[in-house]
Amino acid sequence: MTELKLERGIQMTVGKDASGKDDIMNFKVIISPDDGLYRGGRFVFDFKVAATYPHDVPKVRRRPRRRRGPCLPPGADPRPDPLAP
């Protein structure tokens, strides 16, 4: 994958098949913005491209590094009352 130029803050790794060779149909992309609203974030995406591509779309899954709830102050109810004024 030496001919692929990626922007700053983007990394790509290619999976390996059973024999240890590069499997370009399965790869991971990591996006780490260094400015803007998502600065300091890390977003990991797994891509799995079927052998029947382009007839079947690739499967893309976002893998969160850690799960967090919505940004709420301590003690706040994450499920507000829908009937409250």
Protein backbone atom coordinates (compact mmCIF):
# COMPACT_ATOMS: atom_id res chain seq x y z
CA MET A 1 0.00 0.00 0.00
CA THR A 2 2.93 2.34 -0.59
CA GLU A 3 1.20 4.22 -3.42
CA LEU A 4 -1.67 5.43 -1.21
CA LYS A 5 -1.17 8.95 0.17
CA LEU A 6 -3.20 9.71 3.29
CA GLU A 7 -3.92 13.09 4.80
CA ARG A 8 -2.42 14.06 8.15
CA GLY A 9 -4.38 12.46 10.99
CA ILE A 10 -5.48 9.43 8.95
CA GLN A 11 -3.93 5.97 9.33
CA MET A 12 -4.77 2.81 7.44
CA THR A 13 -3.83 -0.78 8.21
CA VAL A 14 -4.52 -3.76 5.98
CA GLY A 15 -5.64 -7.09 7.44
CA LYS A 16 -3.79 -10.37 6.97
CA ASP A 17 -5.22 -13.60 5.61
CA ALA A 18 -4.56 -17.08 7.05
CA SER A 19 -1.23 -17.38 5.21
CA GLY A 20 0.03 -14.02 6.50
CA LYS A 21 -0.33 -12.14 3.20
CA ASP A 22 -1.99 -8.71 2.98
CA ASP A 23 -5.74 -8.97 2.57
CA ILE A 24 -6.69 -5.69 0.87
CA MET A 25 -10.38 -6.59 1.09
CA ASN A 26 -10.27 -6.11 4.89
CA PHE A 27 -8.73 -2.97 6.32
CA LYS A 28 -8.97 -0.50 9.18
CA VAL A 29 -8.97 3.30 8.97
CA ILE A 30 -8.24 5.49 11.99
CA ILE A 31 -9.11 9.17 11.84
CA SER A 32 -7.62 11.48 14.49
CA PRO A 33 -8.55 15.13 13.83
CA ASP A 34 -6.06 17.69 15.15
CA ASP A 35 -8.35 20.71 14.89
CA GLY A 36 -12.00 21.62 15.00
CA LEU A 37 -14.82 20.25 17.14
CA TYR A 38 -13.49 16.67 17.10
CA ARG A 39 -9.87 17.61 17.94
CA GLY A 40 -8.27 14.92 20.07
CA GLY A 41 -10.87 12.33 19.06
CA ARG A 42 -10.05 8.94 17.62
CA PHE A 43 -12.46 7.27 15.21
CA VAL A 44 -11.80 3.69 14.11
CA PHE A 45 -13.59 2.11 11.15
CA ASP A 46 -13.36 -1.52 10.01
CA PHE A 47 -14.01 -2.15 6.31
CA LYS A 48 -14.87 -5.60 4.97
CA VAL A 49 -15.25 -5.81 1.20
CA ALA A 50 -17.07 -8.89 -0.09
CA ALA A 51 -15.69 -10.96 -2.96
CA THR A 52 -18.85 -9.99 -4.86
CA TYR A 53 -17.94 -6.29 -4.83
CA PRO A 54 -19.20 -4.05 -6.58
CA HIS A 55 -22.51 -5.93 -6.56
CA ASP A 56 -22.55 -5.98 -2.76
CA VAL A 57 -21.59 -2.90 -0.77
CA PRO A 58 -18.65 -3.02 1.67
CA LYS A 59 -19.49 -3.48 5.34
CA VAL A 60 -18.27 -0.58 7.46
CA ARG A 61 -18.33 -0.72 11.25
CA ARG A 62 -17.27 2.00 13.64
CA ARG A 63 -15.42 0.64 16.63
CA PRO A 64 -15.58 3.00 19.56
CA ARG A 65 -12.54 2.92 21.78
CA ARG A 66 -14.76 3.50 24.76
CA ARG A 67 -18.46 3.96 25.15
CA ARG A 68 -19.68 7.14 26.75
CA GLY A 69 -23.13 8.48 27.28
CA PRO A 70 -24.25 11.94 26.31
CA CYS A 71 -22.32 14.86 27.78
CA LEU A 72 -24.39 15.66 30.86
CA PRO A 73 -23.51 17.30 34.15
CA PRO A 74 -22.99 14.92 37.08
CA GLY A 75 -26.27 13.68 38.52
CA ALA A 76 -28.36 14.67 35.48
CA ASP A 77 -30.91 12.15 34.21
CA PRO A 78 -29.82 10.88 30.75
CA ARG A 79 -33.47 10.18 29.92
CA PRO A 80 -35.42 13.42 30.36
CA ASP A 81 -39.15 13.23 31.08
CA PRO A 82 -40.92 13.67 27.69
CA LEU A 83 -43.94 15.20 29.44
CA ALA A 84 -41.98 17.84 31.31
CA PRO A 85 -42.59 21.45 30.18
